[in-house]
């Protein structure tokens, strides 16, 4: 009886393994492109260019793998440190430390989260110059709420499945505690952030997200441990709670200007604390509009700044 040489057998097994991976990649590609086509029909301005490169879908799946369990637990640990730092600053901080905290909070929450992560990258609701796209993204990265790719993917999935069982941060289905403090454990779906996965800048930030934050901590600690608190940990803890209140409270209580098909509401104090984000029911009624405030008291600083930066369409 003929016996196959060991080297030949190993080569055949290797080829079979490679073919298996290619078939798996092809299935991922077909699935992601089908869902991208569905999303582009439902949310036409979410995709700046037609998806022509089928390898992009596989690339997206691989990029997302970099936000694995280590990154999720890393963000969780840093947020624990941030809340501990907030308590330490309350106990030992001076007034000028709180001034610095307020400045950083403005940069990360207004320029970073609402103007860039939310209105620009997620909904593409305003044309921004490239310099602000970079600056706003870096401010968002510094805020310790996730990379631009991960944040945008989760947020778009929220709009696709608002307040149903597939909503990644629905307090009605996930529970208040999970959505308020443990949302970093939601794994982003790359189907919702293909436009950012195309961009090497956002890919690099996503791949090196945790490393960047460890470097930030080391730099501030070497300069002055108190600066680590007031310039990094404390504003990160405040932003995490304020931003998560948008995901929880504005789907639980408040008033409504529009009878939308979800549970979204407006909350006045979150509207001011989060630079317009608290007018959440208005946003869900018109998600592709950059201005969230509608009534005279619904001041929207994020929109006011956008009007002074935006490029002509």
C-alpha atoms as a PDB file:
ATOM      1  CA  UNK A   1       0.000   0.000   0.000  1.00  0.00           C
ATOM      2  CA  UNK A   2       1.370   3.438  -1.005  1.00  0.00           C
ATOM      3  CA  UNK A   3       2.337   5.664   1.952  1.00  0.00           C
ATOM      4  CA  UNK A   4       2.276   9.416   1.393  1.00  0.00           C
ATOM      5  CA  UNK A   5       5.550  11.130   2.359  1.00  0.00           C
ATOM      6  CA  UNK A   6       5.308  13.127   5.558  1.00  0.00           C
ATOM      7  CA  UNK A   7       6.404  16.365   3.868  1.00  0.00           C
ATOM      8  CA  UNK A   8       3.732  16.018   1.190  1.00  0.00           C
ATOM      9  CA  UNK A   9       1.060  15.321   3.808  1.00  0.00           C
ATOM     10  CA  UNK A  10       2.039  18.402   5.780  1.00  0.00           C
ATOM     11  CA  UNK A  11       1.972  20.505   2.609  1.00  0.00           C
ATOM     12  CA  UNK A  12      -1.508  19.268   1.681  1.00  0.00           C
ATOM     13  CA  UNK A  13      -2.799  19.988   5.195  1.00  0.00           C
ATOM     14  CA  UNK A  14      -1.284  23.470   5.034  1.00  0.00           C
ATOM     15  CA  UNK A  15      -2.976  24.140   1.669  1.00  0.00           C
ATOM     16  CA  UNK A  16      -6.303  22.920   3.064  1.00  0.00           C
ATOM     17  CA  UNK A  17      -5.886  25.254   6.048  1.00  0.00           C
ATOM     18  CA  UNK A  18      -5.141  28.214   3.768  1.00  0.00           C
ATOM     19  CA  UNK A  19      -8.175  27.429   1.592  1.00  0.00           C
ATOM     20  CA  UNK A  20     -10.335  27.193   4.710  1.00  0.00           C
ATOM     21  CA  UNK A  21      -9.209  30.658   5.824  1.00  0.00           C
ATOM     22  CA  UNK A  22      -9.873  32.095   2.340  1.00  0.00           C
ATOM     23  CA  UNK A  23     -13.390  30.642   2.307  1.00  0.00           C
ATOM     24  CA  UNK A  24     -13.965  32.088   5.779  1.00  0.00           C
ATOM     25  CA  UNK A  25     -12.727  35.507   4.597  1.00  0.00           C
ATOM     26  CA  UNK A  26     -15.008  35.284   1.545  1.00  0.00           C
ATOM     27  CA  UNK A  27     -18.016  34.557   3.751  1.00  0.00           C
ATOM     28  CA  UNK A  28     -17.136  37.526   5.962  1.00  0.00           C
ATOM     29  CA  UNK A  29     -16.787  39.710   2.861  1.00  0.00           C
ATOM     30  CA  UNK A  30     -20.161  38.707   1.411  1.00  0.00           C
ATOM     31  CA  UNK A  31     -21.905  39.159   4.751  1.00  0.00           C
ATOM     32  CA  UNK A  32     -20.353  42.555   5.450  1.00  0.00           C
ATOM     33  CA  UNK A  33     -21.004  43.910   1.966  1.00  0.00           C
ATOM     34  CA  UNK A  34     -24.633  42.780   2.118  1.00  0.00           C
ATOM     35  CA  UNK A  35     -25.136  44.552   5.433  1.00  0.00           C
ATOM     36  CA  UNK A  36     -23.256  47.615   4.192  1.00  0.00           C
ATOM     37  CA  UNK A  37     -25.607  47.775   1.199  1.00  0.00           C
ATOM     38  CA  UNK A  38     -28.585  47.569   3.553  1.00  0.00           C
ATOM     39  CA  UNK A  39     -27.191  50.341   5.760  1.00  0.00           C
ATOM     40  CA  UNK A  40     -26.327  52.568   2.796  1.00  0.00           C
ATOM     41  CA  UNK A  41     -29.970  52.361   1.726  1.00  0.00           C
ATOM     42  CA  UNK A  42     -31.306  53.175   5.182  1.00  0.00           C
ATOM     43  CA  UNK A  43     -28.658  55.803   6.034  1.00  0.00           C
ATOM     44  CA  UNK A  44     -27.412  57.106   2.653  1.00  0.00           C
ATOM     45  CA  UNK A  45     -24.984  59.722   3.986  1.00  0.00           C
ATOM     46  CA  UNK A  46     -23.161  57.218   6.208  1.00  0.00           C
ATOM     47  CA  UNK A  47     -20.986  56.142   3.280  1.00  0.00           C
ATOM     48  CA  UNK A  48     -18.913  58.769   1.536  1.00  0.00           C
ATOM     49  CA  UNK A  49     -17.791  56.539  -1.361  1.00  0.00           C
ATOM     50  CA  UNK A  50     -19.116  53.335  -2.921  1.00  0.00           C
ATOM     51  CA  UNK A  51     -17.548  50.178  -1.498  1.00  0.00           C
ATOM     52  CA  UNK A  52     -15.595  48.805  -4.434  1.00  0.00           C
ATOM     53  CA  UNK A  53     -12.779  46.890  -2.716  1.00  0.00           C
ATOM     54  CA  UNK A  54     -14.133  43.623  -1.321  1.00  0.00           C
ATOM     55  CA  UNK A  55     -10.949  43.187   0.724  1.00  0.00           C
ATOM     56  CA  UNK A  56     -12.082  46.130   2.840  1.00  0.00           C
ATOM     57  CA  UNK A  57     -14.659  43.957   4.584  1.00  0.00           C
ATOM     58  CA  UNK A  58     -12.059  41.385   5.623  1.00  0.00           C
ATOM     59  CA  UNK A  59      -9.740  44.212   6.659  1.00  0.00           C
ATOM     60  CA  UNK A  60     -12.504  45.576   8.874  1.00  0.00           C
ATOM     61  CA  UNK A  61     -12.955  42.247  10.619  1.00  0.00           C
ATOM     62  CA  UNK A  62      -9.225  42.017  11.289  1.00  0.00           C
ATOM     63  CA  UNK A  63      -8.905  45.614  12.493  1.00  0.00           C
ATOM     64  CA  UNK A  64     -11.689  45.033  15.007  1.00  0.00           C
ATOM     65  CA  UNK A  65      -9.851  42.046  16.436  1.00  0.00           C
ATOM     66  CA  UNK A  66      -7.357  44.507  17.891  1.00  0.00           C
ATOM     67  CA  UNK A  67     -10.052  45.650  20.297  1.00  0.00           C
ATOM     68  CA  UNK A  68      -9.995  42.340  22.103  1.00  0.00           C
ATOM     69  CA  UNK A  69     -10.432  41.336  25.703  1.00  0.00           C
ATOM     70  CA  UNK A  70      -7.139  42.994  26.683  1.00  0.00           C
ATOM     71  CA  UNK A  71      -8.249  46.390  25.325  1.00  0.00           C
ATOM     72  CA  UNK A  72     -11.701  46.113  26.891  1.00  0.00           C
ATOM     73  CA  UNK A  73     -10.344  45.225  30.309  1.00  0.00           C
ATOM     74  CA  UNK A  74      -7.668  47.886  29.860  1.00  0.00           C
ATOM     75  CA  UNK A  75     -10.293  50.599  29.331  1.00  0.00           C
ATOM     76  CA  UNK A  76     -12.236  49.231  32.283  1.00  0.00           C
ATOM     77  CA  UNK A  77      -9.146  49.379  34.529  1.00  0.00           C
ATOM     78  CA  UNK A  78      -8.301  52.919  33.393  1.00  0.00           C
ATOM     79  CA  UNK A  79     -11.864  54.042  34.107  1.00  0.00           C
ATOM     80  CA  UNK A  80     -11.617  52.551  37.596  1.00  0.00           C
ATOM     81  CA  UNK A  81      -8.419  54.560  38.004  1.00  0.00           C
ATOM     82  CA  UNK A  82     -10.228  57.627  36.645  1.00  0.00           C
ATOM     83  CA  UNK A  83     -13.004  57.377  39.230  1.00  0.00           C
ATOM     84  CA  UNK A  84     -10.431  56.855  41.980  1.00  0.00           C
ATOM     85  CA  UNK A  85      -8.542  59.883  40.672  1.00  0.00           C
ATOM     86  CA  UNK A  86     -11.741  61.936  40.817  1.00  0.00           C
ATOM     87  CA  UNK A  87     -12.101  61.125  44.509  1.00  0.00           C
ATOM     88  CA  UNK A  88      -8.444  61.961  45.163  1.00  0.00           C
ATOM     89  CA  UNK A  89      -8.788  65.294  43.397  1.00  0.00           C
ATOM     90  CA  UNK A  90     -11.864  66.121  45.463  1.00  0.00           C
ATOM     91  CA  UNK A  91      -9.831  65.413  48.591  1.00  0.00           C
ATOM     92  CA  UNK A  92      -6.510  67.017  47.673  1.00  0.00           C
ATOM     93  CA  UNK A  93      -7.014  69.217  44.612  1.00  0.00           C
ATOM     94  CA  UNK A  94      -6.884  73.017  44.462  1.00  0.00           C
ATOM     95  CA  UNK A  95      -9.036  75.365  42.417  1.00  0.00           C
ATOM     96  CA  UNK A  96      -6.532  75.561  39.561  1.00  0.00           C
ATOM     97  CA  UNK A  97      -6.604  71.781  39.218  1.00  0.00           C
ATOM     98  CA  UNK A  98     -10.354  71.991  38.577  1.00  0.00           C
ATOM     99  CA  UNK A  99      -9.800  74.744  35.994  1.00  0.00           C
ATOM    100  CA  UNK A 100      -7.443  72.419  34.113  1.00  0.00           C
ATOM    101  CA  UNK A 101      -9.963  69.574  34.452  1.00  0.00           C
ATOM    102  CA  UNK A 102     -12.720  71.776  32.995  1.00  0.00           C
ATOM    103  CA  UNK A 103     -10.475  72.719  30.055  1.00  0.00           C
ATOM    104  CA  UNK A 104      -9.620  69.096  29.262  1.00  0.00           C
ATOM    105  CA  UNK A 105     -13.272  68.100  29.676  1.00  0.00           C
ATOM    106  CA  UNK A 106     -14.265  70.724  27.108  1.00  0.00           C
ATOM    107  CA  UNK A 107     -11.672  69.457  24.633  1.00  0.00           C
ATOM    108  CA  UNK A 108     -12.576  65.779  25.015  1.00  0.00           C
ATOM    109  CA  UNK A 109     -16.359  66.082  25.326  1.00  0.00           C
ATOM    110  CA  UNK A 110     -17.182  69.026  23.051  1.00  0.00           C
ATOM    111  CA  UNK A 111     -14.471  68.965  20.374  1.00  0.00           C
ATOM    112  CA  UNK A 112     -13.846  65.229  20.691  1.00  0.00           C
ATOM    113  CA  UNK A 113     -17.059  63.391  21.451  1.00  0.00           C
ATOM    114  CA  UNK A 114     -19.958  65.489  20.216  1.00  0.00           C
ATOM    115  CA  UNK A 115     -18.456  67.509  17.353  1.00  0.00           C
ATOM    116  CA  UNK A 116     -16.142  64.824  15.961  1.00  0.00           C
ATOM    117  CA  UNK A 117     -17.003  61.285  17.105  1.00  0.00           C
ATOM    118  CA  UNK A 118     -20.755  61.857  16.997  1.00  0.00           C
ATOM    119  CA  UNK A 119     -21.793  64.512  14.499  1.00  0.00           C
ATOM    120  CA  UNK A 120     -18.856  64.277  12.098  1.00  0.00           C
ATOM    121  CA  UNK A 121     -17.582  60.679  12.027  1.00  0.00           C
ATOM    122  CA  UNK A 122     -20.789  58.847  12.957  1.00  0.00           C
ATOM    123  CA  UNK A 123     -23.399  60.848  11.045  1.00  0.00           C
ATOM    124  CA  UNK A 124     -21.259  62.871   8.624  1.00  0.00           C
ATOM    125  CA  UNK A 125     -23.673  65.717   9.267  1.00  0.00           C
ATOM    126  CA  UNK A 126     -21.221  68.542   8.539  1.00  0.00           C
ATOM    127  CA  UNK A 127     -18.212  69.063   6.239  1.00  0.00           C
ATOM    128  CA  UNK A 128     -15.122  69.595   8.398  1.00  0.00           C
ATOM    129  CA  UNK A 129     -11.656  70.699   7.304  1.00  0.00           C
ATOM    130  CA  UNK A 130      -9.035  67.973   7.547  1.00  0.00           C
ATOM    131  CA  UNK A 131      -7.153  69.745  10.337  1.00  0.00           C
ATOM    132  CA  UNK A 132     -10.229  69.619  12.554  1.00  0.00           C
ATOM    133  CA  UNK A 133     -10.915  65.984  11.683  1.00  0.00           C
ATOM    134  CA  UNK A 134      -7.452  65.149  13.042  1.00  0.00           C
ATOM    135  CA  UNK A 135      -7.634  67.491  16.057  1.00  0.00           C
ATOM    136  CA  UNK A 136     -11.147  66.409  17.029  1.00  0.00           C
ATOM    137  CA  UNK A 137     -10.292  62.733  16.682  1.00  0.00           C
ATOM    138  CA  UNK A 138      -7.233  63.123  18.907  1.00  0.00           C
ATOM    139  CA  UNK A 139      -9.376  64.929  21.503  1.00  0.00           C
ATOM    140  CA  UNK A 140     -11.846  62.052  21.345  1.00  0.00           C
ATOM    141  CA  UNK A 141      -9.075  59.477  21.703  1.00  0.00           C
ATOM    142  CA  UNK A 142      -7.726  61.323  24.765  1.00  0.00           C
ATOM    143  CA  UNK A 143     -11.141  61.168  26.451  1.00  0.00           C
ATOM    144  CA  UNK A 144     -10.843  57.421  27.169  1.00  0.00           C
ATOM    145  CA  UNK A 145     -14.209  56.406  25.710  1.00  0.00           C
ATOM    146  CA  UNK A 146     -12.815  54.201  22.929  1.00  0.00           C
ATOM    147  CA  UNK A 147     -11.137  54.592  19.562  1.00  0.00           C
ATOM    148  CA  UNK A 148     -12.885  56.478  16.785  1.00  0.00           C
ATOM    149  CA  UNK A 149     -13.578  53.238  14.884  1.00  0.00           C
ATOM    150  CA  UNK A 150     -14.990  51.454  17.925  1.00  0.00           C
ATOM    151  CA  UNK A 151     -17.069  54.409  19.156  1.00  0.00           C
ATOM    152  CA  UNK A 152     -18.584  55.111  15.751  1.00  0.00           C
ATOM    153  CA  UNK A 153     -19.345  51.434  15.065  1.00  0.00           C
ATOM    154  CA  UNK A 154     -21.208  51.025  18.353  1.00  0.00           C
ATOM    155  CA  UNK A 155     -23.087  54.293  17.925  1.00  0.00           C
ATOM    156  CA  UNK A 156     -24.245  53.520  14.396  1.00  0.00           C
ATOM    157  CA  UNK A 157     -25.401  50.097  15.518  1.00  0.00           C
ATOM    158  CA  UNK A 158     -27.393  51.874  18.235  1.00  0.00           C
ATOM    159  CA  UNK A 159     -29.190  53.957  15.600  1.00  0.00           C
ATOM    160  CA  UNK A 160     -29.811  50.886  13.467  1.00  0.00           C
ATOM    161  CA  UNK A 161     -31.412  48.995  16.383  1.00  0.00           C
ATOM    162  CA  UNK A 162     -32.523  51.779  18.720  1.00  0.00           C
ATOM    163  CA  UNK A 163     -34.187  50.387  21.860  1.00  0.00           C
ATOM    164  CA  UNK A 164     -34.637  46.866  20.510  1.00  0.00           C
ATOM    165  CA  UNK A 165     -32.830  43.729  21.652  1.00  0.00           C
ATOM    166  CA  UNK A 166     -29.915  44.306  19.274  1.00  0.00           C
ATOM    167  CA  UNK A 167     -29.238  47.831  20.540  1.00  0.00           C
ATOM    168  CA  UNK A 168     -25.707  47.719  22.053  1.00  0.00           C
ATOM    169  CA  UNK A 169     -26.601  50.250  24.765  1.00  0.00           C
ATOM    170  CA  UNK A 170     -30.318  50.062  25.442  1.00  0.00           C
ATOM    171  CA  UNK A 171     -31.018  50.368  29.197  1.00  0.00           C
ATOM    172  CA  UNK A 172     -34.352  48.603  28.688  1.00  0.00           C
ATOM    173  CA  UNK A 173     -32.654  45.462  27.369  1.00  0.00           C
ATOM    174  CA  UNK A 174     -29.085  45.650  28.705  1.00  0.00           C
ATOM    175  CA  UNK A 175     -29.822  47.180  32.100  1.00  0.00           C
ATOM    176  CA  UNK A 176     -28.791  50.544  33.541  1.00  0.00           C
ATOM    177  CA  UNK A 177     -25.522  49.381  35.145  1.00  0.00           C
ATOM    178  CA  UNK A 178     -24.308  47.612  32.011  1.00  0.00           C
ATOM    179  CA  UNK A 179     -24.967  50.617  29.775  1.00  0.00           C
ATOM    180  CA  UNK A 180     -23.817  53.274  32.244  1.00  0.00           C
ATOM    181  CA  UNK A 181     -20.511  51.804  33.390  1.00  0.00           C
ATOM    182  CA  UNK A 182     -19.704  48.624  31.456  1.00  0.00           C
ATOM    183  CA  UNK A 183     -20.334  49.574  27.832  1.00  0.00           C
ATOM    184  CA  UNK A 184     -16.633  49.154  27.008  1.00  0.00           C
ATOM    185  CA  UNK A 185     -17.370  45.406  26.885  1.00  0.00           C
ATOM    186  CA  UNK A 186     -19.613  45.833  23.829  1.00  0.00           C
ATOM    187  CA  UNK A 187     -17.643  44.504  20.859  1.00  0.00           C
ATOM    188  CA  UNK A 188     -17.886  46.904  17.892  1.00  0.00           C
ATOM    189  CA  UNK A 189     -19.271  45.597  14.614  1.00  0.00           C
ATOM    190  CA  UNK A 190     -16.950  46.692  11.764  1.00  0.00           C
ATOM    191  CA  UNK A 191     -19.860  46.790   9.309  1.00  0.00           C
ATOM    192  CA  UNK A 192     -20.813  50.152  10.789  1.00  0.00           C
ATOM    193  CA  UNK A 193     -17.410  51.852  10.471  1.00  0.00           C
ATOM    194  CA  UNK A 194     -16.106  50.864   7.047  1.00  0.00           C
ATOM    195  CA  UNK A 195     -15.500  54.494   6.089  1.00  0.00           C
ATOM    196  CA  UNK A 196     -13.053  54.873   8.996  1.00  0.00           C
ATOM    197  CA  UNK A 197     -11.432  51.478   8.463  1.00  0.00           C
ATOM    198  CA  UNK A 198     -10.422  52.804   5.027  1.00  0.00           C
ATOM    199  CA  UNK A 199      -8.390  55.547   6.708  1.00  0.00           C
ATOM    200  CA  UNK A 200      -4.861  54.550   7.880  1.00  0.00           C
ATOM    201  CA  UNK A 201      -4.987  57.320  10.512  1.00  0.00           C
ATOM    202  CA  UNK A 202      -8.028  55.828  12.251  1.00  0.00           C
ATOM    203  CA  UNK A 203      -6.706  52.290  11.799  1.00  0.00           C
ATOM    204  CA  UNK A 204      -3.449  53.189  13.530  1.00  0.00           C
ATOM    205  CA  UNK A 205      -5.241  54.864  16.441  1.00  0.00           C
ATOM    206  CA  UNK A 206      -7.486  51.829  16.844  1.00  0.00           C
ATOM    207  CA  UNK A 207      -4.619  49.343  16.799  1.00  0.00           C
ATOM    208  CA  UNK A 208      -2.544  51.324  19.320  1.00  0.00           C
ATOM    209  CA  UNK A 209      -5.343  52.706  21.496  1.00  0.00           C
ATOM    210  CA  UNK A 210      -4.358  51.159  24.817  1.00  0.00           C
ATOM    211  CA  UNK A 211      -0.629  51.741  24.238  1.00  0.00           C
ATOM    212  CA  UNK A 212      -1.305  55.438  23.603  1.00  0.00           C
ATOM    213  CA  UNK A 213      -3.140  55.779  26.901  1.00  0.00           C
ATOM    214  CA  UNK A 214      -0.405  54.013  28.839  1.00  0.00           C
ATOM    215  CA  UNK A 215       2.102  56.474  27.344  1.00  0.00           C
ATOM    216  CA  UNK A 216      -0.131  59.412  28.309  1.00  0.00           C
ATOM    217  CA  UNK A 217      -0.293  58.174  31.888  1.00  0.00           C
ATOM    218  CA  UNK A 218       3.463  57.717  32.140  1.00  0.00           C
ATOM    219  CA  UNK A 219       4.163  61.202  30.719  1.00  0.00           C
ATOM    220  CA  UNK A 220       1.784  63.005  33.082  1.00  0.00           C
ATOM    221  CA  UNK A 221       2.983  60.994  36.087  1.00  0.00           C
ATOM    222  CA  UNK A 222       6.628  61.823  35.345  1.00  0.00           C
ATOM    223  CA  UNK A 223       5.810  65.542  35.101  1.00  0.00           C
ATOM    224  CA  UNK A 224       3.568  65.712  38.181  1.00  0.00           C
ATOM    225  CA  UNK A 225       1.257  63.010  39.623  1.00  0.00           C
ATOM    226  CA  UNK A 226      -1.366  65.683  40.318  1.00  0.00           C
ATOM    227  CA  UNK A 227      -1.420  66.527  36.616  1.00  0.00           C
ATOM    228  CA  UNK A 228      -2.143  62.859  35.929  1.00  0.00           C
ATOM    229  CA  UNK A 229      -5.312  63.320  37.961  1.00  0.00           C
ATOM    230  CA  UNK A 230      -6.554  66.725  36.815  1.00  0.00           C
ATOM    231  CA  UNK A 231      -5.413  66.556  33.167  1.00  0.00           C
ATOM    232  CA  UNK A 232      -6.316  62.945  32.427  1.00  0.00           C
ATOM    233  CA  UNK A 233      -8.040  60.660  34.946  1.00  0.00           C
ATOM    234  CA  UNK A 234     -10.601  63.066  36.422  1.00  0.00           C
ATOM    235  CA  UNK A 235     -11.895  64.508  33.113  1.00  0.00           C
ATOM    236  CA  UNK A 236     -12.027  60.962  31.707  1.00  0.00           C
ATOM    237  CA  UNK A 237     -14.227  59.824  34.608  1.00  0.00           C
ATOM    238  CA  UNK A 238     -16.523  62.860  34.249  1.00  0.00           C
ATOM    239  CA  UNK A 239     -16.835  62.357  30.495  1.00  0.00           C
ATOM    240  CA  UNK A 240     -17.567  58.649  30.879  1.00  0.00           C
ATOM    241  CA  UNK A 241     -20.444  59.316  33.257  1.00  0.00           C
ATOM    242  CA  UNK A 242     -21.849  62.309  31.355  1.00  0.00           C
ATOM    243  CA  UNK A 243     -21.629  60.512  28.017  1.00  0.00           C
ATOM    244  CA  UNK A 244     -23.187  57.351  29.424  1.00  0.00           C
ATOM    245  CA  UNK A 245     -26.071  59.385  30.878  1.00  0.00           C
ATOM    246  CA  UNK A 246     -26.937  60.197  27.250  1.00  0.00           C
ATOM    247  CA  UNK A 247     -27.245  56.463  26.566  1.00  0.00           C
ATOM    248  CA  UNK A 248     -29.253  55.714  29.712  1.00  0.00           C
ATOM    249  CA  UNK A 249     -31.246  58.645  31.081  1.00  0.00           C
ATOM    250  CA  UNK A 250     -32.277  60.072  27.710  1.00  0.00           C
ATOM    251  CA  UNK A 251     -33.942  56.748  26.969  1.00  0.00           C
ATOM    252  CA  UNK A 252     -35.643  56.578  30.364  1.00  0.00           C
ATOM    253  CA  UNK A 253     -36.879  60.010  31.430  1.00  0.00           C
ATOM    254  CA  UNK A 254     -37.300  63.558  30.078  1.00  0.00           C
ATOM    255  CA  UNK A 255     -39.536  65.359  27.595  1.00  0.00           C
ATOM    256  CA  UNK A 256     -40.106  64.748  23.875  1.00  0.00           C
ATOM    257  CA  UNK A 257     -40.456  67.238  21.043  1.00  0.00           C
ATOM    258  CA  UNK A 258     -41.050  64.465  18.503  1.00  0.00           C
ATOM    259  CA  UNK A 259     -43.014  61.219  18.535  1.00  0.00           C
ATOM    260  CA  UNK A 260     -40.183  58.962  17.374  1.00  0.00           C
ATOM    261  CA  UNK A 261     -40.387  55.174  17.216  1.00  0.00           C
ATOM    262  CA  UNK A 262     -37.926  54.809  20.091  1.00  0.00           C
ATOM    263  CA  UNK A 263     -37.707  55.896  23.735  1.00  0.00           C
ATOM    264  CA  UNK A 264     -35.421  58.910  23.184  1.00  0.00           C
ATOM    265  CA  UNK A 265     -36.023  62.034  25.279  1.00  0.00           C
ATOM    266  CA  UNK A 266     -34.512  65.475  25.941  1.00  0.00           C
ATOM    267  CA  UNK A 267     -32.999  66.354  29.327  1.00  0.00           C
ATOM    268  CA  UNK A 268     -32.160  70.018  29.851  1.00  0.00           C
ATOM    269  CA  UNK A 269     -29.210  69.669  32.238  1.00  0.00           C
ATOM    270  CA  UNK A 270     -27.534  67.072  29.997  1.00  0.00           C
ATOM    271  CA  UNK A 271     -28.087  69.428  27.075  1.00  0.00           C
ATOM    272  CA  UNK A 272     -25.907  72.009  28.811  1.00  0.00           C
ATOM    273  CA  UNK A 273     -23.425  69.593  30.412  1.00  0.00           C
ATOM    274  CA  UNK A 274     -22.768  67.762  27.121  1.00  0.00           C
ATOM    275  CA  UNK A 275     -22.796  70.713  24.709  1.00  0.00           C
ATOM    276  CA  UNK A 276     -26.132  69.845  23.080  1.00  0.00           C
ATOM    277  CA  UNK A 277     -26.079  66.050  23.362  1.00  0.00           C
ATOM    278  CA  UNK A 278     -28.911  66.133  25.911  1.00  0.00           C
ATOM    279  CA  UNK A 279     -31.399  67.138  23.201  1.00  0.00           C
ATOM    280  CA  UNK A 280     -31.463  63.462  22.313  1.00  0.00           C
ATOM    281  CA  UNK A 281     -35.033  63.135  21.097  1.00  0.00           C
ATOM    282  CA  UNK A 282     -34.393  65.949  18.615  1.00  0.00           C
ATOM    283  CA  UNK A 283     -31.314  64.095  17.403  1.00  0.00           C
ATOM    284  CA  UNK A 284     -33.136  60.789  16.938  1.00  0.00           C
ATOM    285  CA  UNK A 285     -35.834  62.578  14.967  1.00  0.00           C
ATOM    286  CA  UNK A 286     -33.232  64.009  12.557  1.00  0.00           C
ATOM    287  CA  UNK A 287     -29.993  62.039  13.086  1.00  0.00           C
ATOM    288  CA  UNK A 288     -28.243  63.498  10.032  1.00  0.00           C
ATOM    289  CA  UNK A 289     -28.645  67.120  11.127  1.00  0.00           C
ATOM    290  CA  UNK A 290     -25.700  68.725  12.911  1.00  0.00           C
ATOM    291  CA  UNK A 291     -27.877  70.993  15.075  1.00  0.00           C
ATOM    292  CA  UNK A 292     -29.558  69.204  18.007  1.00  0.00           C
ATOM    293  CA  UNK A 293     -31.241  72.132  19.768  1.00  0.00           C
ATOM    294  CA  UNK A 294     -34.636  73.295  18.461  1.00  0.00           C
ATOM    295  CA  UNK A 295     -36.486  75.367  21.060  1.00  0.00           C
ATOM    296  CA  UNK A 296     -35.113  78.691  22.261  1.00  0.00           C
ATOM    297  CA  UNK A 297     -33.808  77.276  25.553  1.00  0.00           C
ATOM    298  CA  UNK A 298     -32.166  74.247  23.907  1.00  0.00           C
ATOM    299  CA  UNK A 299     -28.741  75.833  23.524  1.00  0.00           C
ATOM    300  CA  UNK A 300     -26.334  73.725  21.475  1.00  0.00           C
ATOM    301  CA  UNK A 301     -22.735  74.905  21.806  1.00  0.00           C
ATOM    302  CA  UNK A 302     -21.486  72.067  19.615  1.00  0.00           C
ATOM    303  CA  UNK A 303     -23.647  73.276  16.727  1.00  0.00           C
ATOM    304  CA  UNK A 304     -22.617  76.894  17.321  1.00  0.00           C
ATOM    305  CA  UNK A 305     -18.944  75.950  16.984  1.00  0.00           C
ATOM    306  CA  UNK A 306     -19.620  73.740  13.967  1.00  0.00           C
ATOM    307  CA  UNK A 307     -21.230  76.672  12.133  1.00  0.00           C
ATOM    308  CA  UNK A 308     -17.967  78.594  12.534  1.00  0.00           C
ATOM    309  CA  UNK A 309     -15.722  75.766  11.339  1.00  0.00           C
ATOM    310  CA  UNK A 310     -17.704  73.955   8.656  1.00  0.00           C
ATOM    311  CA  UNK A 311     -16.682  74.057   5.025  1.00  0.00           C
ATOM    312  CA  UNK A 312     -19.165  75.031   2.313  1.00  0.00           C
ATOM    313  CA  UNK A 313     -20.825  71.951   0.794  1.00  0.00           C
END
